[in-house]
């Protein structure tokens, strides 16, 4: 029996991380993929036959995750699926199609305000910070009711780690940008965090940075 599960997570962004830096990270699809602790492989692909008309202009990837079929990490296996990435002015939309009819739509956005900006009304029940920027993920999960709980738990755990890594990488990039601006150094210095992130992703995938596209 199919089921639909909706859930939202909110993570405050540290001071010094601008809206532009946070959105730029969301628009860096390959870095977003590499930050996910489950992903073992990624390959850029053309729109697959099952893609609807409004997703044919998206950026598509074939992804392979490491998953546990049983508790405590027992019964480890791999699952390959396709995922569409669509940039928005304040964030990113993804739509993943996995085996057994599992579909996950995620919308990532940067909300809140920084000093000097007018306060944004905070959505009731969201538990977002009254001041400062935050990263929001809205997930629409559709799958068989028998596996819904396991899939949701897996998404929450892996995306929690992804967000922690994203926040830390954004903090490093903001710090590097501030140093570059203060010292008026070459643009190469401003890419320090991006290079570190690329190397980190390559290391986690068991590859050298040169092997990543």
N, C-alpha and C. Protein backbone atom coordinates (compact mmCIF):
# COMPACT_ATOMS: atom_id res chain seq x y z
N UNK A 1 0.85 -1.20 0.00
CA UNK A 1 0.00 0.00 0.00
C UNK A 1 0.89 1.25 0.00
N UNK A 2 0.68 2.17 -0.94
CA UNK A 2 1.51 3.38 -0.99
C UNK A 2 1.17 4.34 0.14
N UNK A 3 2.17 5.09 0.58
CA UNK A 3 1.95 6.09 1.62
C UNK A 3 2.72 7.35 1.27
N UNK A 4 2.32 8.45 1.89
CA UNK A 4 3.00 9.73 1.69
C UNK A 4 3.37 10.29 3.05
N UNK A 5 4.63 10.67 3.21
CA UNK A 5 5.13 11.21 4.46
C UNK A 5 5.79 12.56 4.20
N UNK A 6 5.38 13.58 4.95
CA UNK A 6 5.95 14.93 4.82
C UNK A 6 6.68 15.27 6.11
N UNK A 7 7.89 15.79 6.01
CA UNK A 7 8.59 16.25 7.20
C UNK A 7 9.57 17.36 6.82
N UNK A 8 9.88 18.18 7.81
CA UNK A 8 10.72 19.37 7.61
C UNK A 8 11.81 19.42 8.68
N UNK A 9 13.00 19.82 8.28
CA UNK A 9 14.09 20.03 9.24
C UNK A 9 14.65 21.43 9.05
N UNK A 10 15.06 22.05 10.15
CA UNK A 10 15.60 23.42 10.14
C UNK A 10 16.92 23.43 10.89
N UNK A 11 17.95 24.02 10.28
CA UNK A 11 19.27 24.10 10.90
C UNK A 11 19.76 25.55 10.86
N UNK A 12 19.98 26.19 12.01
CA UNK A 12 20.52 27.56 12.00
C UNK A 12 21.90 27.59 11.35
N UNK A 13 22.17 28.63 10.58
CA UNK A 13 23.48 28.83 9.98
C UNK A 13 24.33 29.72 10.88
N UNK A 14 25.62 29.45 10.99
CA UNK A 14 26.47 30.26 11.87
C UNK A 14 26.64 31.67 11.35
N UNK A 15 26.92 32.59 12.27
CA UNK A 15 27.19 33.96 11.88
C UNK A 15 28.39 34.00 10.94
N UNK A 16 28.34 34.88 9.97
CA UNK A 16 29.43 34.97 9.01
C UNK A 16 29.15 34.24 7.72
N UNK A 17 28.19 33.30 7.74
CA UNK A 17 27.79 32.62 6.51
C UNK A 17 26.67 33.42 5.88
N UNK A 18 26.92 34.02 4.73
CA UNK A 18 25.93 34.87 4.08
C UNK A 18 24.91 34.03 3.32
N UNK A 19 23.81 34.66 2.97
CA UNK A 19 22.79 33.99 2.17
C UNK A 19 23.38 33.52 0.84
N UNK A 20 24.21 34.41 0.24
CA UNK A 20 24.80 34.07 -1.05
C UNK A 20 25.69 32.85 -0.99
N UNK A 21 26.51 32.75 0.08
CA UNK A 21 27.39 31.60 0.24
C UNK A 21 26.57 30.32 0.42
N UNK A 22 25.53 30.39 1.26
CA UNK A 22 24.70 29.20 1.51
C UNK A 22 23.98 28.74 0.25
N UNK A 23 23.41 29.68 -0.50
CA UNK A 23 22.70 29.31 -1.73
C UNK A 23 23.67 28.76 -2.76
N UNK A 24 24.87 29.34 -2.83
CA UNK A 24 25.88 28.85 -3.77
C UNK A 24 26.24 27.40 -3.49
N UNK A 25 26.30 27.03 -2.21
CA UNK A 25 26.58 25.63 -1.88
C UNK A 25 25.43 24.73 -2.32
N UNK A 26 24.20 25.18 -2.15
CA UNK A 26 23.06 24.37 -2.60
C UNK A 26 23.07 24.20 -4.11
N UNK A 27 23.56 25.19 -4.82
CA UNK A 27 23.60 25.12 -6.28
C UNK A 27 24.80 24.32 -6.79
N UNK A 28 25.73 23.98 -5.91
CA UNK A 28 26.87 23.14 -6.29
C UNK A 28 26.45 21.68 -6.12
N UNK A 29 25.80 21.14 -7.14
CA UNK A 29 25.16 19.83 -7.02
C UNK A 29 26.14 18.73 -6.64
N UNK A 30 27.29 18.70 -7.27
CA UNK A 30 28.22 17.61 -7.02
C UNK A 30 28.77 17.66 -5.60
N UNK A 31 29.00 18.85 -5.08
CA UNK A 31 29.43 18.95 -3.69
C UNK A 31 28.32 18.52 -2.74
N UNK A 32 27.08 18.89 -3.05
CA UNK A 32 25.95 18.44 -2.24
C UNK A 32 25.88 16.92 -2.22
N UNK A 33 26.06 16.30 -3.38
CA UNK A 33 26.03 14.84 -3.46
C UNK A 33 27.15 14.24 -2.62
N UNK A 34 28.36 14.80 -2.77
CA UNK A 34 29.52 14.24 -2.08
C UNK A 34 29.43 14.41 -0.57
N UNK A 35 28.65 15.38 -0.09
CA UNK A 35 28.48 15.57 1.34
C UNK A 35 27.58 14.51 1.97
N UNK A 36 26.80 13.81 1.15
CA UNK A 36 25.89 12.78 1.67
C UNK A 36 26.70 11.54 2.03
N UNK A 37 26.67 11.10 3.29
CA UNK A 37 27.52 9.97 3.70
C UNK A 37 27.14 8.64 3.07
N UNK A 38 25.94 8.52 2.50
CA UNK A 38 25.52 7.26 1.91
C UNK A 38 26.01 7.07 0.48
N UNK A 39 26.25 8.17 -0.22
CA UNK A 39 26.54 8.08 -1.66
C UNK A 39 27.94 7.51 -1.89
N UNK A 40 28.00 6.46 -2.70
CA UNK A 40 29.26 5.81 -3.05
C UNK A 40 29.72 6.17 -4.46
N UNK A 41 28.77 6.43 -5.36
CA UNK A 41 29.11 6.78 -6.74
C UNK A 41 28.12 7.82 -7.25
N UNK A 42 28.59 8.66 -8.16
CA UNK A 42 27.71 9.60 -8.86
C UNK A 42 28.15 9.71 -10.30
N UNK A 43 27.18 9.79 -11.19
CA UNK A 43 27.46 9.93 -12.62
C UNK A 43 26.43 10.88 -13.23
N UNK A 44 26.88 11.88 -13.94
CA UNK A 44 25.98 12.79 -14.65
C UNK A 44 25.36 12.03 -15.83
N UNK A 45 24.04 12.14 -15.99
CA UNK A 45 23.34 11.40 -17.04
C UNK A 45 22.37 12.34 -17.76
N UNK A 46 21.94 11.98 -18.97
CA UNK A 46 20.87 12.74 -19.63
C UNK A 46 19.54 12.42 -18.95
N UNK A 47 18.50 13.22 -19.18
CA UNK A 47 17.20 12.93 -18.58
C UNK A 47 16.76 11.51 -18.92
N UNK A 48 16.43 10.68 -17.93
CA UNK A 48 16.01 9.30 -18.21
C UNK A 48 14.61 9.25 -18.81
N UNK A 49 14.23 8.12 -19.38
CA UNK A 49 12.91 8.00 -20.03
C UNK A 49 11.74 8.30 -19.09
N UNK A 50 11.90 8.02 -17.79
CA UNK A 50 10.78 8.21 -16.87
C UNK A 50 10.63 9.66 -16.41
N UNK A 51 11.51 10.56 -16.83
CA UNK A 51 11.44 11.95 -16.36
C UNK A 51 10.23 12.66 -16.97
N UNK A 52 9.42 13.34 -16.15
CA UNK A 52 8.28 14.10 -16.67
C UNK A 52 8.76 15.32 -17.45
N UNK A 53 7.86 15.89 -18.21
CA UNK A 53 8.22 17.02 -19.09
C UNK A 53 8.86 18.17 -18.32
N UNK A 54 8.32 18.51 -17.14
CA UNK A 54 8.84 19.67 -16.42
C UNK A 54 10.18 19.40 -15.74
N UNK A 55 10.67 18.16 -15.79
CA UNK A 55 11.97 17.84 -15.20
C UNK A 55 13.03 17.54 -16.26
N UNK A 56 12.67 17.62 -17.52
CA UNK A 56 13.64 17.28 -18.56
C UNK A 56 14.74 18.33 -18.69
N UNK A 57 14.48 19.53 -18.20
CA UNK A 57 15.51 20.56 -18.22
C UNK A 57 16.38 20.58 -16.97
N UNK A 58 16.13 19.64 -16.05
CA UNK A 58 16.92 19.58 -14.82
C UNK A 58 18.28 18.95 -15.07
N UNK A 59 19.15 19.06 -14.08
CA UNK A 59 20.44 18.36 -14.10
C UNK A 59 20.23 17.00 -13.45
N UNK A 60 20.59 15.93 -14.18
CA UNK A 60 20.31 14.57 -13.72
C UNK A 60 21.59 13.82 -13.35
N UNK A 61 21.45 12.97 -12.32
CA UNK A 61 22.55 12.11 -11.90
C UNK A 61 22.04 10.70 -11.63
N UNK A 62 22.91 9.73 -11.86
CA UNK A 62 22.70 8.36 -11.38
C UNK A 62 23.56 8.23 -10.12
N UNK A 63 22.92 7.88 -9.01
CA UNK A 63 23.61 7.81 -7.72
C UNK A 63 23.52 6.40 -7.16
N UNK A 64 24.57 5.98 -6.47
CA UNK A 64 24.57 4.68 -5.80
C UNK A 64 24.83 4.90 -4.32
N UNK A 65 23.89 4.44 -3.49
CA UNK A 65 23.99 4.58 -2.04
C UNK A 65 24.35 3.25 -1.39
N UNK A 66 25.03 3.35 -0.26
CA UNK A 66 25.22 2.18 0.61
C UNK A 66 24.09 2.19 1.63
N UNK A 67 23.35 1.10 1.70
CA UNK A 67 22.19 1.05 2.60
C UNK A 67 22.25 -0.22 3.44
N UNK A 68 21.62 -0.15 4.63
CA UNK A 68 21.50 -1.30 5.50
C UNK A 68 20.08 -1.85 5.40
N UNK A 69 19.96 -3.12 5.08
CA UNK A 69 18.65 -3.75 4.97
C UNK A 69 18.14 -4.23 6.33
N UNK A 70 19.04 -4.27 7.32
CA UNK A 70 18.68 -4.73 8.65
C UNK A 70 19.24 -3.75 9.68
N UNK A 71 18.72 -3.79 10.93
CA UNK A 71 19.23 -2.88 11.96
C UNK A 71 20.71 -3.11 12.26
N UNK A 72 21.34 -2.13 12.90
CA UNK A 72 22.73 -2.18 13.35
C UNK A 72 23.71 -2.33 12.20
N UNK A 73 23.30 -1.89 11.02
CA UNK A 73 24.22 -1.95 9.88
C UNK A 73 24.37 -3.32 9.27
N UNK A 74 23.53 -4.26 9.68
CA UNK A 74 23.62 -5.61 9.13
C UNK A 74 22.97 -5.66 7.76
N UNK A 75 23.40 -6.59 6.95
CA UNK A 75 22.81 -6.74 5.62
C UNK A 75 23.07 -5.55 4.73
N UNK A 76 24.31 -5.04 4.74
CA UNK A 76 24.64 -3.88 3.92
C UNK A 76 24.56 -4.23 2.44
N UNK A 77 24.03 -3.29 1.67
CA UNK A 77 23.94 -3.47 0.23
C UNK A 77 24.03 -2.13 -0.47
N UNK A 78 23.78 -2.13 -1.75
CA UNK A 78 23.85 -0.91 -2.55
C UNK A 78 22.57 -0.76 -3.37
N UNK A 79 22.15 0.46 -3.55
CA UNK A 79 20.99 0.75 -4.38
C UNK A 79 21.34 1.91 -5.30
N UNK A 80 21.00 1.76 -6.58
CA UNK A 80 21.26 2.80 -7.57
C UNK A 80 19.94 3.43 -8.00
N UNK A 81 19.93 4.74 -8.10
CA UNK A 81 18.70 5.46 -8.43
C UNK A 81 19.04 6.71 -9.22
N UNK A 82 18.02 7.39 -9.74
CA UNK A 82 18.24 8.62 -10.50
C UNK A 82 17.68 9.80 -9.70
N UNK A 83 18.27 10.96 -9.94
CA UNK A 83 17.84 12.14 -9.18
C UNK A 83 17.97 13.39 -10.04
N UNK A 84 16.93 14.22 -10.02
CA UNK A 84 16.92 15.49 -10.75
C UNK A 84 17.24 16.63 -9.79
N UNK A 85 18.04 17.59 -10.26
CA UNK A 85 18.41 18.78 -9.47
C UNK A 85 17.92 20.02 -10.21
N UNK A 86 17.21 20.89 -9.48
CA UNK A 86 16.66 22.11 -10.08
C UNK A 86 16.93 23.29 -9.16
N UNK A 87 17.73 24.25 -9.62
CA UNK A 87 18.08 25.41 -8.81
C UNK A 87 16.92 26.39 -8.70
N UNK A 88 16.77 26.96 -7.50
CA UNK A 88 15.80 28.01 -7.22
C UNK A 88 16.57 29.25 -6.73
N UNK A 89 15.95 30.44 -6.81
CA UNK A 89 16.66 31.65 -6.37
C UNK A 89 17.19 31.57 -4.94
N UNK A 90 16.45 30.90 -4.06
CA UNK A 90 16.87 30.79 -2.66
C UNK A 90 17.25 29.37 -2.27
N UNK A 91 17.41 28.48 -3.24
CA UNK A 91 17.72 27.12 -2.83
C UNK A 91 17.75 26.12 -3.97
N UNK A 92 17.20 24.94 -3.69
CA UNK A 92 17.35 23.81 -4.60
C UNK A 92 16.18 22.84 -4.42
N UNK A 93 15.73 22.28 -5.52
CA UNK A 93 14.77 21.18 -5.49
C UNK A 93 15.43 19.93 -6.04
N UNK A 94 15.16 18.78 -5.42
CA UNK A 94 15.61 17.51 -5.96
C UNK A 94 14.43 16.54 -6.00
N UNK A 95 14.49 15.63 -6.97
CA UNK A 95 13.46 14.59 -7.08
C UNK A 95 14.17 13.29 -7.40
N UNK A 96 14.16 12.36 -6.44
CA UNK A 96 14.87 11.10 -6.59
C UNK A 96 13.89 9.96 -6.84
N UNK A 97 14.25 9.11 -7.80
CA UNK A 97 13.45 7.94 -8.16
C UNK A 97 14.26 6.69 -7.84
N UNK A 98 13.85 5.96 -6.81
CA UNK A 98 14.58 4.76 -6.38
C UNK A 98 13.77 3.51 -6.69
N UNK A 99 14.40 2.33 -6.61
CA UNK A 99 13.66 1.09 -6.84
C UNK A 99 12.51 0.90 -5.86
N UNK A 100 11.59 0.00 -6.19
CA UNK A 100 10.43 -0.34 -5.37
C UNK A 100 9.47 0.84 -5.23
N UNK A 101 9.49 1.76 -6.20
CA UNK A 101 8.54 2.85 -6.20
C UNK A 101 8.80 3.92 -5.16
N UNK A 102 10.02 4.00 -4.63
CA UNK A 102 10.35 5.03 -3.64
C UNK A 102 10.69 6.33 -4.36
N UNK A 103 9.94 7.39 -4.06
CA UNK A 103 10.19 8.71 -4.63
C UNK A 103 10.38 9.72 -3.50
N UNK A 104 11.40 10.53 -3.63
CA UNK A 104 11.68 11.55 -2.62
C UNK A 104 11.84 12.90 -3.28
N UNK A 105 10.98 13.83 -2.92
CA UNK A 105 11.10 15.22 -3.38
C UNK A 105 11.60 16.05 -2.19
N UNK A 106 12.70 16.74 -2.39
CA UNK A 106 13.25 17.60 -1.33
C UNK A 106 13.39 19.02 -1.85
N UNK A 107 13.04 19.96 -0.99
CA UNK A 107 13.22 21.38 -1.31
C UNK A 107 14.10 21.99 -0.23
N UNK A 108 15.30 22.42 -0.64
CA UNK A 108 16.23 23.08 0.27
C UNK A 108 16.13 24.59 0.06
N UNK A 109 16.08 25.34 1.15
CA UNK A 109 16.00 26.80 1.02
C UNK A 109 16.72 27.47 2.18
N UNK A 110 17.16 28.70 1.93
CA UNK A 110 17.81 29.50 2.96
C UNK A 110 16.82 30.57 3.40
N UNK A 111 16.44 30.55 4.66
CA UNK A 111 15.47 31.50 5.19
C UNK A 111 16.07 32.36 6.29
N UNK A 112 15.23 33.22 6.85
CA UNK A 112 15.67 34.08 7.93
C UNK A 112 16.19 35.41 7.43
N UNK A 113 16.85 36.14 8.31
CA UNK A 113 17.37 37.46 7.96
C UNK A 113 18.65 37.73 8.73
N UNK A 114 19.44 38.64 8.20
CA UNK A 114 20.69 39.05 8.85
C UNK A 114 20.50 40.46 9.39
N UNK A 115 21.38 40.91 10.28
CA UNK A 115 21.25 42.28 10.82
C UNK A 115 21.16 43.31 9.70
N UNK A 116 20.20 44.22 9.83
CA UNK A 116 20.00 45.24 8.81
C UNK A 116 18.86 44.93 7.88
N UNK A 117 18.44 43.65 7.83
CA UNK A 117 17.31 43.26 7.00
C UNK A 117 16.04 43.27 7.84
N UNK A 118 14.88 43.55 7.24
CA UNK A 118 13.63 43.47 8.00
C UNK A 118 13.36 42.04 8.43
N UNK A 119 12.80 41.88 9.61
CA UNK A 119 12.50 40.55 10.12
C UNK A 119 11.46 39.86 9.24
N UNK A 120 11.70 38.59 8.93
CA UNK A 120 10.74 37.81 8.16
C UNK A 120 9.74 37.16 9.11
N UNK A 121 8.46 37.13 8.76
CA UNK A 121 7.52 36.37 9.57
C UNK A 121 7.93 34.90 9.58
N UNK A 122 7.96 34.29 10.76
CA UNK A 122 8.37 32.89 10.88
C UNK A 122 7.13 32.01 10.82
N UNK A 123 7.18 30.99 10.00
CA UNK A 123 6.05 30.07 9.85
C UNK A 123 5.73 29.41 11.19
N UNK A 124 4.45 29.33 11.53
CA UNK A 124 4.04 28.74 12.79
C UNK A 124 4.44 27.27 12.85
N UNK A 125 4.97 26.87 13.99
CA UNK A 125 5.34 25.47 14.19
C UNK A 125 6.65 25.06 13.56
N UNK A 126 7.33 25.97 12.88
CA UNK A 126 8.56 25.62 12.18
C UNK A 126 9.76 25.51 13.13
N UNK A 127 9.70 26.22 14.26
CA UNK A 127 10.80 26.25 15.23
C UNK A 127 12.08 26.79 14.61
N UNK A 128 11.92 27.78 13.73
CA UNK A 128 13.08 28.43 13.12
C UNK A 128 13.55 29.56 14.02
N UNK A 129 14.83 29.92 13.98
CA UNK A 129 15.32 31.02 14.81
C UNK A 129 14.67 32.34 14.41
N UNK A 130 14.40 33.21 15.40
CA UNK A 130 13.77 34.50 15.11
C UNK A 130 14.72 35.43 14.37
N UNK A 131 16.02 35.26 14.59
CA UNK A 131 17.03 36.08 13.92
C UNK A 131 18.12 35.18 13.36
N UNK A 132 18.78 35.68 12.32
CA UNK A 132 19.83 34.88 11.70
C UNK A 132 19.28 34.03 10.57
N UNK A 133 20.18 33.48 9.79
CA UNK A 133 19.80 32.64 8.65
C UNK A 133 19.69 31.18 9.08
N UNK A 134 18.90 30.44 8.34
CA UNK A 134 18.77 29.01 8.61
C UNK A 134 18.56 28.25 7.31
N UNK A 135 18.94 26.99 7.35
CA UNK A 135 18.76 26.09 6.22
C UNK A 135 17.54 25.22 6.49
N UNK A 136 16.63 25.19 5.53
CA UNK A 136 15.39 24.44 5.69
C UNK A 136 15.30 23.37 4.61
N UNK A 137 14.90 22.16 5.01
CA UNK A 137 14.66 21.09 4.04
C UNK A 137 13.24 20.55 4.24
N UNK A 138 12.44 20.63 3.19
CA UNK A 138 11.10 20.05 3.18
C UNK A 138 11.13 18.78 2.34
N UNK A 139 10.73 17.67 2.92
CA UNK A 139 10.79 16.37 2.24
C UNK A 139 9.39 15.82 2.04
N UNK A 140 9.14 15.35 0.82
CA UNK A 140 7.89 14.68 0.46
C UNK A 140 8.28 13.27 0.03
N UNK A 141 8.05 12.29 0.90
CA UNK A 141 8.45 10.90 0.66
C UNK A 141 7.22 10.08 0.28
N UNK A 142 7.33 9.36 -0.83
CA UNK A 142 6.25 8.48 -1.27
C UNK A 142 6.82 7.09 -1.51
N UNK A 143 6.28 6.11 -0.79
CA UNK A 143 6.75 4.73 -0.92
C UNK A 143 5.74 3.79 -0.29
N UNK A 144 6.04 2.50 -0.33
CA UNK A 144 5.19 1.51 0.31
C UNK A 144 5.18 1.73 1.81
N UNK A 145 4.01 1.62 2.41
CA UNK A 145 3.88 1.90 3.84
C UNK A 145 4.76 0.99 4.68
N UNK A 146 5.09 -0.20 4.17
CA UNK A 146 5.89 -1.16 4.93
C UNK A 146 7.34 -0.70 5.10
N UNK A 147 7.82 0.13 4.18
CA UNK A 147 9.22 0.58 4.27
C UNK A 147 9.33 2.07 4.58
N UNK A 148 8.20 2.75 4.75
CA UNK A 148 8.21 4.20 4.95
C UNK A 148 9.04 4.61 6.16
N UNK A 149 8.87 3.89 7.28
CA UNK A 149 9.60 4.24 8.49
C UNK A 149 11.10 4.12 8.33
N UNK A 150 11.55 3.02 7.70
CA UNK A 150 12.98 2.81 7.49
C UNK A 150 13.56 3.85 6.55
N UNK A 151 12.84 4.15 5.46
CA UNK A 151 13.33 5.13 4.49
C UNK A 151 13.42 6.51 5.14
N UNK A 152 12.40 6.90 5.90
CA UNK A 152 12.42 8.21 6.57
C UNK A 152 13.60 8.29 7.55
N UNK A 153 13.80 7.24 8.33
CA UNK A 153 14.90 7.23 9.29
C UNK A 153 16.25 7.36 8.59
N UNK A 154 16.39 6.67 7.45
CA UNK A 154 17.64 6.74 6.69
C UNK A 154 17.88 8.14 6.15
N UNK A 155 16.82 8.77 5.62
CA UNK A 155 16.94 10.13 5.08
C UNK A 155 17.32 11.11 6.18
N UNK A 156 16.63 11.04 7.33
CA UNK A 156 16.91 11.97 8.42
C UNK A 156 18.36 11.84 8.90
N UNK A 157 18.84 10.62 9.02
CA UNK A 157 20.20 10.41 9.51
C UNK A 157 21.23 10.90 8.51
N UNK A 158 21.08 10.51 7.24
CA UNK A 158 22.08 10.88 6.23
C UNK A 158 22.05 12.37 5.94
N UNK A 159 20.85 12.96 5.86
CA UNK A 159 20.75 14.38 5.57
C UNK A 159 21.20 15.22 6.76
N UNK A 160 21.05 14.67 7.98
CA UNK A 160 21.57 15.37 9.14
C UNK A 160 23.08 15.52 9.06
N UNK A 161 23.75 14.44 8.66
CA UNK A 161 25.20 14.49 8.48
C UNK A 161 25.56 15.42 7.33
N UNK A 162 24.79 15.36 6.24
CA UNK A 162 25.03 16.23 5.09
C UNK A 162 24.97 17.69 5.51
N UNK A 163 23.94 18.05 6.29
CA UNK A 163 23.77 19.45 6.71
C UNK A 163 24.93 19.88 7.60
N UNK A 164 25.36 19.01 8.52
CA UNK A 164 26.50 19.35 9.38
C UNK A 164 27.73 19.65 8.54
N UNK A 165 27.98 18.82 7.53
CA UNK A 165 29.15 19.03 6.67
C UNK A 165 28.99 20.28 5.82
N UNK A 166 27.77 20.53 5.36
CA UNK A 166 27.52 21.72 4.54
C UNK A 166 27.76 22.99 5.36
N UNK A 167 27.24 23.01 6.59
CA UNK A 167 27.42 24.19 7.45
C UNK A 167 28.89 24.43 7.71
N UNK A 168 29.65 23.37 7.99
CA UNK A 168 31.08 23.53 8.25
C UNK A 168 31.81 24.01 7.01
N UNK A 169 31.46 23.45 5.84
CA UNK A 169 32.11 23.88 4.60
C UNK A 169 31.76 25.33 4.28
N UNK A 170 30.50 25.72 4.51
CA UNK A 170 30.09 27.11 4.28
C UNK A 170 30.82 28.05 5.22
N UNK A 171 31.03 27.61 6.47
CA UNK A 171 31.77 28.43 7.42
C UNK A 171 33.21 28.63 6.94
N UNK A 172 33.83 27.57 6.43
CA UNK A 172 35.20 27.69 5.94
C UNK A 172 35.27 28.63 4.75
N UNK A 173 34.28 28.52 3.85
CA UNK A 173 34.31 29.37 2.66
C UNK A 173 34.08 30.83 3.04
N UNK A 174 33.17 31.07 3.97
CA UNK A 174 32.92 32.45 4.42
C UNK A 174 34.16 33.03 5.07
N UNK A 175 34.86 32.21 5.86
CA UNK A 175 36.08 32.67 6.52
C UNK A 175 37.16 32.98 5.48
N UNK A 176 37.29 32.10 4.47
CA UNK A 176 38.29 32.32 3.42
C UNK A 176 37.97 33.58 2.62
N UNK A 177 36.67 33.80 2.35
CA UNK A 177 36.27 34.99 1.59
C UNK A 177 36.56 36.25 2.39
N UNK A 178 36.33 36.20 3.71
CA UNK A 178 36.59 37.37 4.55
C UNK A 178 38.08 37.69 4.58
N UNK A 179 38.91 36.66 4.68
CA UNK A 179 40.36 36.87 4.68
C UNK A 179 40.82 37.42 3.34
N UNK A 180 40.27 36.86 2.25
CA UNK A 180 40.65 37.32 0.92
C UNK A 180 40.27 38.78 0.72
N UNK A 181 39.07 39.16 1.20
CA UNK A 181 38.63 40.54 1.05
C UNK A 181 39.50 41.49 1.88
N UNK A 182 39.87 41.03 3.08
CA UNK A 182 40.67 41.89 3.96
C UNK A 182 42.08 42.08 3.42
N UNK A 183 42.62 41.03 2.82
CA UNK A 183 43.99 41.09 2.33
C UNK A 183 44.08 41.46 0.86
N UNK A 184 42.90 41.50 0.20
CA UNK A 184 42.83 41.81 -1.23
C UNK A 184 43.79 40.91 -2.02
N UNK A 185 43.65 39.58 -1.77
CA UNK A 185 44.53 38.62 -2.43
C UNK A 185 43.88 38.14 -3.71
N UNK A 186 44.57 37.26 -4.43
CA UNK A 186 44.08 36.77 -5.72
C UNK A 186 42.83 35.94 -5.54
N UNK A 187 42.00 35.82 -6.59
CA UNK A 187 40.78 35.02 -6.50
C UNK A 187 41.04 33.57 -6.13
N UNK A 188 42.25 33.06 -6.40
CA UNK A 188 42.55 31.66 -6.08
C UNK A 188 42.37 31.39 -4.60
N UNK A 189 42.73 32.39 -3.77
CA UNK A 189 42.62 32.19 -2.33
C UNK A 189 41.18 32.06 -1.90
N UNK A 190 40.28 32.62 -2.68
CA UNK A 190 38.87 32.59 -2.30
C UNK A 190 38.25 31.23 -2.56
N UNK A 191 38.95 30.35 -3.27
CA UNK A 191 38.41 29.02 -3.57
C UNK A 191 38.95 27.97 -2.62
N UNK A 192 39.62 28.40 -1.54
CA UNK A 192 40.25 27.45 -0.64
C UNK A 192 39.25 26.44 -0.10
N UNK A 193 38.10 26.92 0.39
CA UNK A 193 37.12 26.00 0.96
C UNK A 193 36.55 25.07 -0.09
N UNK A 194 36.34 25.56 -1.30
CA UNK A 194 35.81 24.71 -2.36
C UNK A 194 36.77 23.59 -2.69
N UNK A 195 38.08 23.90 -2.71
CA UNK A 195 39.08 22.87 -2.98
C UNK A 195 39.09 21.85 -1.85
N UNK A 196 39.03 22.32 -0.60
CA UNK A 196 39.00 21.41 0.54
C UNK A 196 37.80 20.49 0.46
N UNK A 197 36.65 21.03 0.08
CA UNK A 197 35.43 20.25 -0.03
C UNK A 197 35.56 19.20 -1.11
N UNK A 198 36.17 19.55 -2.25
CA UNK A 198 36.37 18.62 -3.36
C UNK A 198 37.27 17.47 -2.91
N UNK A 199 38.35 17.80 -2.20
CA UNK A 199 39.27 16.77 -1.71
C UNK A 199 38.58 15.88 -0.70
N UNK A 200 37.76 16.50 0.19
CA UNK A 200 37.03 15.72 1.20
C UNK A 200 36.08 14.74 0.54
N UNK A 201 35.35 15.20 -0.48
CA UNK A 201 34.43 14.32 -1.19
C UNK A 201 35.15 13.20 -1.89
N UNK A 202 36.29 13.50 -2.51
CA UNK A 202 37.07 12.47 -3.20
C UNK A 202 37.57 11.43 -2.22
N UNK A 203 38.05 11.88 -1.06
CA UNK A 203 38.56 10.96 -0.05
C UNK A 203 37.46 10.03 0.44
N UNK A 204 36.25 10.57 0.66
CA UNK A 204 35.16 9.75 1.15
C UNK A 204 34.72 8.72 0.13
N UNK A 205 34.83 9.05 -1.15
CA UNK A 205 34.45 8.13 -2.21
C UNK A 205 35.59 7.18 -2.58
N UNK A 206 36.74 7.33 -1.90
CA UNK A 206 37.86 6.45 -2.17
C UNK A 206 38.56 6.74 -3.48
N UNK A 207 38.54 8.01 -3.90
CA UNK A 207 39.16 8.39 -5.16
C UNK A 207 40.08 9.57 -4.94
N UNK A 208 40.92 9.83 -5.93
CA UNK A 208 41.73 11.04 -5.90
C UNK A 208 40.90 12.18 -6.44
N UNK A 209 41.20 13.45 -6.06
CA UNK A 209 40.42 14.58 -6.58
C UNK A 209 40.38 14.62 -8.09
N UNK A 210 41.44 14.18 -8.76
CA UNK A 210 41.47 14.23 -10.22
C UNK A 210 40.49 13.27 -10.85
N UNK A 211 40.06 12.23 -10.08
CA UNK A 211 39.15 11.24 -10.64
C UNK A 211 37.70 11.71 -10.61
N UNK A 212 37.40 12.76 -9.82
CA UNK A 212 36.03 13.26 -9.75
C UNK A 212 35.78 14.20 -10.92
N UNK A 213 34.59 14.14 -11.52
CA UNK A 213 34.28 15.04 -12.64
C UNK A 213 34.12 16.47 -12.18
